[in-house]
Amino acid sequence: MNKEFERKLESLEAVFQLIEDFLSSSRIDATLSFPVCLVVEELFANIVKHDPESSGPVSIDLGRQQDNLVVTMTYPEAVPFDVTQPREVDTSSSLQERAVGGLGLFLTKSMADKMDYEHENGIGRVTVVKRIGSQDV
């Protein structure tokens, strides 16, 4: 299932609906909705917020490969930013003592079973794999 979305935060409601529709039509356990939506929301928000000069749509492709849910987000006019690279995140200090930034990607990577990033010819692509286990389809 593939769909393009305007590169703006207001698109997130439609993005979440696409995820819900895919999980339902693929008969994938609805308990995966929260972690998948959280991961996609963080990645989508980063695309919008950290590359404000770009206006091309974000394409989201949802698929199932064996016991995995695979989400691929592709976006043109991308500034290179590898979301898979480790970044220092202070998880031991209080919220008031922490520096702003990085926690969302830290959580995203912890909720995904695998995450890949590509940037070629101005096009960014993030692929997230979430294990769904063996379920009847």
N, C-alpha and C. Protein backbone atom coordinates (compact mmCIF):
# COMPACT_ATOMS: atom_id res chain seq x y z
N MET A 1 0.87 -1.17 0.00
CA MET A 1 0.00 0.00 0.00
C MET A 1 0.91 1.22 0.00
N ASN A 2 0.68 2.12 -0.94
CA ASN A 2 1.54 3.28 -1.10
C ASN A 2 0.69 4.52 -1.28
N LYS A 3 1.14 5.62 -0.67
CA LYS A 3 0.42 6.88 -0.82
C LYS A 3 1.39 8.03 -0.60
N GLU A 4 1.14 9.14 -1.29
CA GLU A 4 1.94 10.35 -1.12
C GLU A 4 1.20 11.33 -0.23
N PHE A 5 1.99 12.08 0.56
CA PHE A 5 1.43 13.06 1.49
C PHE A 5 2.17 14.38 1.34
N GLU A 6 1.41 15.46 1.50
CA GLU A 6 2.05 16.78 1.50
C GLU A 6 3.02 16.84 2.66
N ARG A 7 4.11 17.53 2.44
CA ARG A 7 5.16 17.64 3.44
C ARG A 7 4.79 18.72 4.44
N LYS A 8 3.83 18.40 5.29
CA LYS A 8 3.40 19.29 6.36
C LYS A 8 2.85 18.44 7.51
N LEU A 9 2.97 18.95 8.72
CA LEU A 9 2.55 18.18 9.90
C LEU A 9 1.06 17.84 9.88
N GLU A 10 0.27 18.67 9.23
CA GLU A 10 -1.17 18.40 9.15
C GLU A 10 -1.48 17.12 8.38
N SER A 11 -0.53 16.60 7.66
CA SER A 11 -0.73 15.34 6.91
C SER A 11 -0.71 14.12 7.82
N LEU A 12 -0.25 14.27 9.05
CA LEU A 12 -0.08 13.12 9.92
C LEU A 12 -1.37 12.35 10.18
N GLU A 13 -2.48 13.04 10.28
CA GLU A 13 -3.76 12.33 10.51
C GLU A 13 -4.03 11.35 9.38
N ALA A 14 -3.82 11.78 8.15
CA ALA A 14 -4.02 10.90 6.99
C ALA A 14 -2.98 9.78 6.96
N VAL A 15 -1.76 10.07 7.41
CA VAL A 15 -0.71 9.05 7.48
C VAL A 15 -1.13 7.96 8.46
N PHE A 16 -1.63 8.37 9.63
CA PHE A 16 -2.08 7.40 10.63
C PHE A 16 -3.23 6.55 10.09
N GLN A 17 -4.12 7.16 9.33
CA GLN A 17 -5.24 6.42 8.75
C GLN A 17 -4.73 5.38 7.76
N LEU A 18 -3.72 5.73 6.97
CA LEU A 18 -3.13 4.77 6.04
C LEU A 18 -2.57 3.57 6.81
N ILE A 19 -1.89 3.83 7.90
CA ILE A 19 -1.31 2.75 8.71
C ILE A 19 -2.42 1.86 9.26
N GLU A 20 -3.46 2.48 9.82
CA GLU A 20 -4.58 1.70 10.38
C GLU A 20 -5.24 0.86 9.30
N ASP A 21 -5.46 1.45 8.13
CA ASP A 21 -6.10 0.72 7.03
C ASP A 21 -5.23 -0.46 6.59
N PHE A 22 -3.92 -0.25 6.52
CA PHE A 22 -3.04 -1.33 6.10
C PHE A 22 -3.04 -2.46 7.13
N LEU A 23 -2.91 -2.11 8.39
CA LEU A 23 -2.89 -3.15 9.44
C LEU A 23 -4.18 -3.96 9.40
N SER A 24 -5.30 -3.26 9.25
CA SER A 24 -6.60 -3.94 9.22
C SER A 24 -6.73 -4.83 7.99
N SER A 25 -6.41 -4.29 6.81
CA SER A 25 -6.58 -5.07 5.59
C SER A 25 -5.60 -6.24 5.50
N SER A 26 -4.47 -6.10 6.18
CA SER A 26 -3.46 -7.17 6.19
C SER A 26 -3.64 -8.12 7.36
N ARG A 27 -4.65 -7.85 8.16
CA ARG A 27 -4.94 -8.65 9.36
C ARG A 27 -3.71 -8.79 10.26
N ILE A 28 -3.07 -7.64 10.47
CA ILE A 28 -1.93 -7.57 11.39
C ILE A 28 -2.46 -7.04 12.72
N ASP A 29 -2.00 -7.63 13.79
CA ASP A 29 -2.45 -7.30 15.14
C ASP A 29 -2.47 -5.78 15.36
N ALA A 30 -3.60 -5.26 15.80
CA ALA A 30 -3.79 -3.83 16.01
C ALA A 30 -2.88 -3.27 17.10
N THR A 31 -2.32 -4.12 17.94
CA THR A 31 -1.42 -3.62 18.98
C THR A 31 -0.14 -3.03 18.39
N LEU A 32 0.14 -3.33 17.13
CA LEU A 32 1.32 -2.74 16.47
C LEU A 32 1.06 -1.31 16.01
N SER A 33 -0.18 -0.88 16.05
CA SER A 33 -0.52 0.45 15.58
C SER A 33 0.26 1.54 16.32
N PHE A 34 0.28 1.48 17.64
CA PHE A 34 0.95 2.53 18.41
C PHE A 34 2.44 2.63 18.08
N PRO A 35 3.21 1.56 18.19
CA PRO A 35 4.63 1.73 17.89
C PRO A 35 4.91 2.13 16.44
N VAL A 36 4.15 1.58 15.50
CA VAL A 36 4.38 1.93 14.10
C VAL A 36 4.02 3.39 13.85
N CYS A 37 2.89 3.84 14.39
CA CYS A 37 2.51 5.25 14.22
C CYS A 37 3.51 6.18 14.88
N LEU A 38 4.02 5.81 16.04
CA LEU A 38 5.01 6.65 16.73
C LEU A 38 6.29 6.78 15.91
N VAL A 39 6.76 5.68 15.38
CA VAL A 39 7.98 5.69 14.56
C VAL A 39 7.77 6.55 13.32
N VAL A 40 6.67 6.33 12.62
CA VAL A 40 6.40 7.07 11.39
C VAL A 40 6.20 8.55 11.70
N GLU A 41 5.50 8.85 12.79
CA GLU A 41 5.29 10.25 13.17
C GLU A 41 6.62 10.97 13.40
N GLU A 42 7.51 10.36 14.13
CA GLU A 42 8.81 10.98 14.42
C GLU A 42 9.60 11.20 13.14
N LEU A 43 9.66 10.20 12.29
CA LEU A 43 10.41 10.34 11.05
C LEU A 43 9.78 11.38 10.12
N PHE A 44 8.46 11.36 10.00
CA PHE A 44 7.75 12.32 9.15
C PHE A 44 7.97 13.73 9.68
N ALA A 45 7.83 13.91 10.99
CA ALA A 45 8.02 15.24 11.60
C ALA A 45 9.44 15.74 11.37
N ASN A 46 10.43 14.86 11.46
CA ASN A 46 11.80 15.27 11.20
C ASN A 46 11.98 15.71 9.76
N ILE A 47 11.36 15.01 8.84
CA ILE A 47 11.45 15.38 7.42
C ILE A 47 10.87 16.79 7.23
N VAL A 48 9.74 17.06 7.86
CA VAL A 48 9.07 18.35 7.72
C VAL A 48 9.86 19.47 8.42
N LYS A 49 10.22 19.24 9.67
CA LYS A 49 10.82 20.30 10.49
C LYS A 49 12.26 20.62 10.11
N HIS A 50 13.03 19.61 9.76
CA HIS A 50 14.46 19.83 9.56
C HIS A 50 14.84 20.06 8.11
N ASP A 51 13.87 20.16 7.24
CA ASP A 51 14.13 20.44 5.84
C ASP A 51 13.02 21.36 5.31
N PRO A 52 12.86 22.54 5.94
CA PRO A 52 11.72 23.40 5.61
C PRO A 52 11.74 23.99 4.21
N GLU A 53 12.90 24.00 3.56
CA GLU A 53 12.99 24.55 2.21
C GLU A 53 12.40 23.61 1.15
N SER A 54 12.27 22.35 1.48
CA SER A 54 11.78 21.36 0.52
C SER A 54 10.26 21.28 0.57
N SER A 55 9.68 21.01 -0.59
CA SER A 55 8.22 20.97 -0.64
C SER A 55 7.67 19.70 -1.29
N GLY A 56 8.53 18.86 -1.83
CA GLY A 56 8.06 17.65 -2.50
C GLY A 56 7.34 16.74 -1.54
N PRO A 57 6.44 15.91 -2.05
CA PRO A 57 5.64 15.03 -1.19
C PRO A 57 6.50 13.92 -0.55
N VAL A 58 5.97 13.38 0.52
CA VAL A 58 6.58 12.23 1.18
C VAL A 58 5.75 11.01 0.79
N SER A 59 6.40 10.04 0.20
CA SER A 59 5.73 8.81 -0.20
C SER A 59 5.93 7.78 0.91
N ILE A 60 4.84 7.17 1.34
CA ILE A 60 4.91 6.13 2.37
C ILE A 60 4.40 4.83 1.77
N ASP A 61 5.25 3.81 1.85
CA ASP A 61 4.90 2.49 1.33
C ASP A 61 4.89 1.51 2.50
N LEU A 62 3.79 0.80 2.65
CA LEU A 62 3.63 -0.20 3.70
C LEU A 62 3.52 -1.57 3.05
N GLY A 63 4.27 -2.51 3.58
CA GLY A 63 4.23 -3.86 3.03
C GLY A 63 4.55 -4.89 4.08
N ARG A 64 4.30 -6.11 3.72
CA ARG A 64 4.60 -7.23 4.61
C ARG A 64 5.57 -8.16 3.90
N GLN A 65 6.65 -8.48 4.60
CA GLN A 65 7.63 -9.43 4.08
C GLN A 65 7.84 -10.49 5.15
N GLN A 66 7.34 -11.68 4.89
CA GLN A 66 7.33 -12.77 5.85
C GLN A 66 6.71 -12.30 7.16
N ASP A 67 7.48 -12.32 8.24
CA ASP A 67 6.96 -11.95 9.56
C ASP A 67 7.31 -10.52 9.93
N ASN A 68 7.44 -9.66 8.93
CA ASN A 68 7.83 -8.27 9.18
C ASN A 68 6.90 -7.29 8.48
N LEU A 69 6.64 -6.19 9.14
CA LEU A 69 5.98 -5.04 8.55
C LEU A 69 7.11 -4.12 8.09
N VAL A 70 7.06 -3.69 6.84
CA VAL A 70 8.10 -2.83 6.29
C VAL A 70 7.46 -1.51 5.87
N VAL A 71 8.01 -0.42 6.41
CA VAL A 71 7.54 0.92 6.10
C VAL A 71 8.70 1.65 5.43
N THR A 72 8.45 2.17 4.22
CA THR A 72 9.48 2.94 3.52
C THR A 72 8.94 4.33 3.25
N MET A 73 9.71 5.32 3.68
CA MET A 73 9.36 6.72 3.45
C MET A 73 10.38 7.29 2.47
N THR A 74 9.90 7.82 1.35
CA THR A 74 10.76 8.38 0.32
C THR A 74 10.38 9.84 0.12
N TYR A 75 11.39 10.71 0.06
CA TYR A 75 11.11 12.14 -0.05
C TYR A 75 12.18 12.83 -0.89
N PRO A 76 11.72 13.60 -1.91
CA PRO A 76 12.64 14.31 -2.79
C PRO A 76 13.16 15.58 -2.12
N GLU A 77 14.13 16.18 -2.76
CA GLU A 77 14.70 17.45 -2.27
C GLU A 77 15.21 17.30 -0.85
N ALA A 78 15.79 16.16 -0.55
CA ALA A 78 16.19 15.85 0.82
C ALA A 78 17.58 16.35 1.15
N VAL A 79 17.70 16.97 2.29
CA VAL A 79 19.01 17.30 2.85
C VAL A 79 19.52 16.02 3.51
N PRO A 80 20.74 15.59 3.22
CA PRO A 80 21.23 14.35 3.81
C PRO A 80 21.22 14.39 5.34
N PHE A 81 20.58 13.42 5.95
CA PHE A 81 20.56 13.28 7.40
C PHE A 81 20.27 11.82 7.72
N ASP A 82 21.30 11.10 8.09
CA ASP A 82 21.18 9.67 8.34
C ASP A 82 20.61 9.42 9.73
N VAL A 83 19.35 9.07 9.77
CA VAL A 83 18.66 8.85 11.05
C VAL A 83 19.13 7.59 11.76
N THR A 84 19.91 6.76 11.08
CA THR A 84 20.37 5.52 11.69
C THR A 84 21.67 5.70 12.47
N GLN A 85 22.34 6.84 12.28
CA GLN A 85 23.62 7.05 12.96
C GLN A 85 23.40 7.32 14.44
N PRO A 86 24.23 6.71 15.28
CA PRO A 86 24.08 6.92 16.72
C PRO A 86 24.33 8.38 17.09
N ARG A 87 23.52 8.87 17.98
CA ARG A 87 23.69 10.21 18.52
C ARG A 87 23.63 10.10 20.03
N GLU A 88 24.43 10.91 20.67
CA GLU A 88 24.41 10.86 22.13
C GLU A 88 23.12 11.45 22.65
N VAL A 89 22.45 10.68 23.47
CA VAL A 89 21.21 11.13 24.09
C VAL A 89 21.32 10.86 25.58
N ASP A 90 21.09 11.89 26.35
CA ASP A 90 21.14 11.76 27.81
C ASP A 90 19.80 11.24 28.29
N THR A 91 19.78 10.01 28.71
CA THR A 91 18.54 9.42 29.23
C THR A 91 18.55 9.29 30.74
N SER A 92 19.63 9.74 31.37
CA SER A 92 19.73 9.59 32.82
C SER A 92 19.39 10.87 33.58
N SER A 93 19.51 12.03 32.95
CA SER A 93 19.21 13.29 33.62
C SER A 93 17.72 13.58 33.59
N SER A 94 17.30 14.50 34.43
CA SER A 94 15.90 14.91 34.44
C SER A 94 15.60 15.68 33.16
N LEU A 95 14.33 15.82 32.83
CA LEU A 95 13.95 16.53 31.61
C LEU A 95 14.45 17.97 31.61
N GLN A 96 14.48 18.59 32.78
CA GLN A 96 14.94 19.98 32.88
C GLN A 96 16.45 20.10 32.60
N GLU A 97 17.21 19.04 32.87
CA GLU A 97 18.66 19.08 32.70
C GLU A 97 19.11 18.62 31.31
N ARG A 98 18.25 18.00 30.56
CA ARG A 98 18.64 17.45 29.25
C ARG A 98 18.69 18.52 28.18
N ALA A 99 19.59 18.32 27.23
CA ALA A 99 19.63 19.17 26.04
C ALA A 99 18.47 18.77 25.14
N VAL A 100 17.94 19.73 24.42
CA VAL A 100 16.82 19.48 23.51
C VAL A 100 17.33 18.73 22.29
N GLY A 101 16.53 17.75 21.82
CA GLY A 101 16.84 17.06 20.58
C GLY A 101 17.42 15.68 20.77
N GLY A 102 17.10 14.81 19.82
CA GLY A 102 17.68 13.49 19.79
C GLY A 102 16.86 12.39 20.43
N LEU A 103 16.01 12.74 21.38
CA LEU A 103 15.26 11.71 22.10
C LEU A 103 14.26 11.00 21.19
N GLY A 104 13.64 11.73 20.28
CA GLY A 104 12.66 11.12 19.38
C GLY A 104 13.28 10.04 18.51
N LEU A 105 14.44 10.33 17.92
CA LEU A 105 15.11 9.32 17.10
C LEU A 105 15.61 8.16 17.94
N PHE A 106 16.04 8.45 19.16
CA PHE A 106 16.47 7.39 20.08
C PHE A 106 15.31 6.42 20.33
N LEU A 107 14.13 6.96 20.62
CA LEU A 107 12.95 6.13 20.86
C LEU A 107 12.53 5.39 19.59
N THR A 108 12.60 6.09 18.46
CA THR A 108 12.24 5.48 17.19
C THR A 108 13.09 4.25 16.91
N LYS A 109 14.39 4.39 17.08
CA LYS A 109 15.29 3.27 16.81
C LYS A 109 15.06 2.13 17.80
N SER A 110 14.67 2.46 19.02
CA SER A 110 14.43 1.40 20.01
C SER A 110 13.13 0.65 19.73
N MET A 111 12.19 1.27 19.03
CA MET A 111 10.91 0.63 18.74
C MET A 111 10.94 -0.15 17.43
N ALA A 112 11.89 0.17 16.56
CA ALA A 112 12.01 -0.54 15.29
C ALA A 112 12.96 -1.71 15.46
N ASP A 113 12.73 -2.76 14.70
CA ASP A 113 13.64 -3.89 14.73
C ASP A 113 14.83 -3.68 13.80
N LYS A 114 14.62 -2.83 12.78
CA LYS A 114 15.71 -2.50 11.86
C LYS A 114 15.35 -1.18 11.20
N MET A 115 16.36 -0.37 10.94
CA MET A 115 16.14 0.90 10.25
C MET A 115 17.31 1.14 9.30
N ASP A 116 16.98 1.47 8.05
CA ASP A 116 17.99 1.78 7.05
C ASP A 116 17.74 3.16 6.47
N TYR A 117 18.81 3.81 6.02
CA TYR A 117 18.71 5.13 5.42
C TYR A 117 19.52 5.16 4.14
N GLU A 118 18.97 5.81 3.12
CA GLU A 118 19.68 6.02 1.86
C GLU A 118 19.46 7.46 1.43
N HIS A 119 20.48 8.04 0.78
CA HIS A 119 20.33 9.36 0.16
C HIS A 119 21.08 9.32 -1.16
N GLU A 120 20.35 9.50 -2.24
CA GLU A 120 20.97 9.44 -3.55
C GLU A 120 20.24 10.39 -4.50
N ASN A 121 21.03 11.21 -5.20
CA ASN A 121 20.48 12.16 -6.18
C ASN A 121 19.39 13.04 -5.58
N GLY A 122 19.59 13.49 -4.33
CA GLY A 122 18.64 14.39 -3.69
C GLY A 122 17.39 13.73 -3.15
N ILE A 123 17.35 12.41 -3.17
CA ILE A 123 16.18 11.68 -2.66
C ILE A 123 16.57 10.93 -1.40
N GLY A 124 15.80 11.18 -0.32
CA GLY A 124 16.02 10.47 0.93
C GLY A 124 15.07 9.30 1.04
N ARG A 125 15.54 8.25 1.69
CA ARG A 125 14.68 7.07 1.87
C ARG A 125 15.02 6.43 3.22
N VAL A 126 14.00 6.27 4.04
CA VAL A 126 14.15 5.59 5.32
C VAL A 126 13.26 4.35 5.28
N THR A 127 13.84 3.21 5.61
CA THR A 127 13.08 1.97 5.66
C THR A 127 13.13 1.44 7.09
N VAL A 128 11.95 1.17 7.62
CA VAL A 128 11.81 0.67 8.98
C VAL A 128 11.17 -0.71 8.93
N VAL A 129 11.75 -1.63 9.67
CA VAL A 129 11.20 -2.98 9.76
C VAL A 129 10.75 -3.22 11.20
N LYS A 130 9.52 -3.68 11.33
CA LYS A 130 8.96 -4.02 12.63
C LYS A 130 8.49 -5.47 12.57
N ARG A 131 9.04 -6.28 13.43
CA ARG A 131 8.67 -7.71 13.46
C ARG A 131 7.23 -7.83 13.93
N ILE A 132 6.45 -8.60 13.19
CA ILE A 132 5.05 -8.82 13.57
C ILE A 132 4.82 -10.24 14.02
N GLY A 133 5.82 -11.08 13.84
CA GLY A 133 5.65 -12.49 14.19
C GLY A 133 4.80 -13.17 13.16
N SER A 134 4.64 -14.46 13.32
CA SER A 134 3.82 -15.18 12.36
C SER A 134 2.36 -15.06 12.76
N GLN A 135 1.59 -14.51 11.85
CA GLN A 135 0.15 -14.35 12.04
C GLN A 135 -0.54 -14.89 10.80
N ASP A 136 -1.75 -15.33 10.96
CA ASP A 136 -2.50 -15.77 9.79
C ASP A 136 -2.82 -14.56 8.92
N VAL A 137 -2.71 -14.76 7.61
CA VAL A 137 -3.07 -13.68 6.69
C VAL A 137 -4.22 -14.08 5.81
